[in-house]
Protein backbone atom coordinates (compact mmCIF):
# COMPACT_ATOMS: atom_id res chain seq x y z
CA MET A 1 0.00 0.00 0.00
CA LEU A 2 1.05 3.55 -0.69
CA ARG A 3 0.24 4.59 2.88
CA ASP A 4 2.60 1.97 4.30
CA ARG A 5 5.42 3.11 2.02
CA LEU A 6 4.88 6.71 3.12
CA VAL A 7 4.99 5.83 6.82
CA SER A 8 8.01 3.54 6.50
CA GLY A 9 9.94 6.13 4.49
CA ILE A 10 9.66 8.90 7.09
CA ASN A 11 13.00 9.74 8.72
CA TYR A 12 11.62 11.42 11.84
CA ASP A 13 10.94 8.75 14.48
CA CYS A 14 8.41 10.88 16.34
CA ILE A 15 6.34 11.45 13.18
CA GLN A 16 6.52 7.79 12.25
CA GLN A 17 5.40 6.74 15.74
CA ASN A 18 2.55 9.23 15.61
CA LEU A 19 1.30 7.80 12.33
CA LEU A 20 1.68 4.21 13.50
CA SER A 21 -0.45 4.96 16.56
CA LYS A 22 -3.48 5.85 14.40
CA SER A 23 -5.96 2.99 14.06
CA SER A 24 -7.68 3.94 10.79
CA LEU A 25 -5.14 5.83 8.73
CA THR A 26 -5.61 6.64 5.08
CA PHE A 27 -2.87 7.81 2.75
CA GLU A 28 -4.38 11.31 2.59
CA THR A 29 -4.57 11.61 6.37
CA ALA A 30 -1.05 10.25 6.82
CA LEU A 31 0.28 12.74 4.30
CA LYS A 32 -1.46 15.70 5.98
CA ILE A 33 -0.26 14.67 9.44
CA ALA A 34 3.31 14.04 8.27
CA ILE A 35 3.55 17.38 6.45
CA GLY A 36 2.06 19.23 9.42
CA LEU A 37 4.39 17.64 11.96
CA GLU A 38 7.46 18.09 9.76
CA THR A 39 6.63 21.75 9.18
CA ALA A 40 6.09 22.30 12.90
CA SER A 41 9.41 20.62 13.69
CA LYS A 42 11.29 22.77 11.18
CA ASN A 43 9.61 25.94 12.46
CA ALA A 44 10.60 25.05 16.01
CA ASP A 45 14.19 24.53 14.86
CA ASP A 46 14.15 27.93 13.12
CA ILE A 47 12.96 29.62 16.30
CA ASN A 48 15.81 28.08 18.30
CA ILE A 49 18.60 29.14 15.92
CA PRO A 50 20.87 31.68 17.63
CA THR A 51 20.97 35.07 15.96
CA ASN A 52 23.58 37.80 15.87
CA SER A 53 21.33 40.23 17.68
CA PRO A 54 21.78 40.55 21.41
CA THR A 55 19.21 38.67 23.42
CA GLN A 56 20.65 38.98 26.89
CA LEU A 57 21.16 42.08 28.93
CA GLN A 58 24.64 42.53 30.23
CA THR A 59 24.79 44.04 33.65
CA SER A 60 27.65 45.14 35.79
CA LYS A 61 27.77 45.26 39.54
CA GLN A 62 28.78 48.60 40.93
CA SER A 63 29.11 49.55 44.56
CA ILE A 64 27.34 52.70 45.59
CA HIS A 65 28.76 54.41 48.63
CA PHE A 66 26.74 56.92 50.58
CA PHE A 67 28.63 59.40 52.69
CA PRO A 68 26.69 61.40 55.25
CA GLN A 69 26.60 65.10 54.53
CA GLY A 70 27.54 67.60 57.18
CA GLU A 71 24.84 68.03 59.78
């Protein structure tokens, strides 16, 4: 079956396991699920790519000394 070839040819284990857990899976449904999960995975990877823009604030610790003024 075409559906079985699609599922067995998927390289992402989590997507393959998801598809194998479905009891009544058609080729069309398997294709939609696989494309959706693969797209979501790639989008998540894109979000987690470090960029050149600063994302952390750099702070420095400075001591502040207060001296009493003349009374």
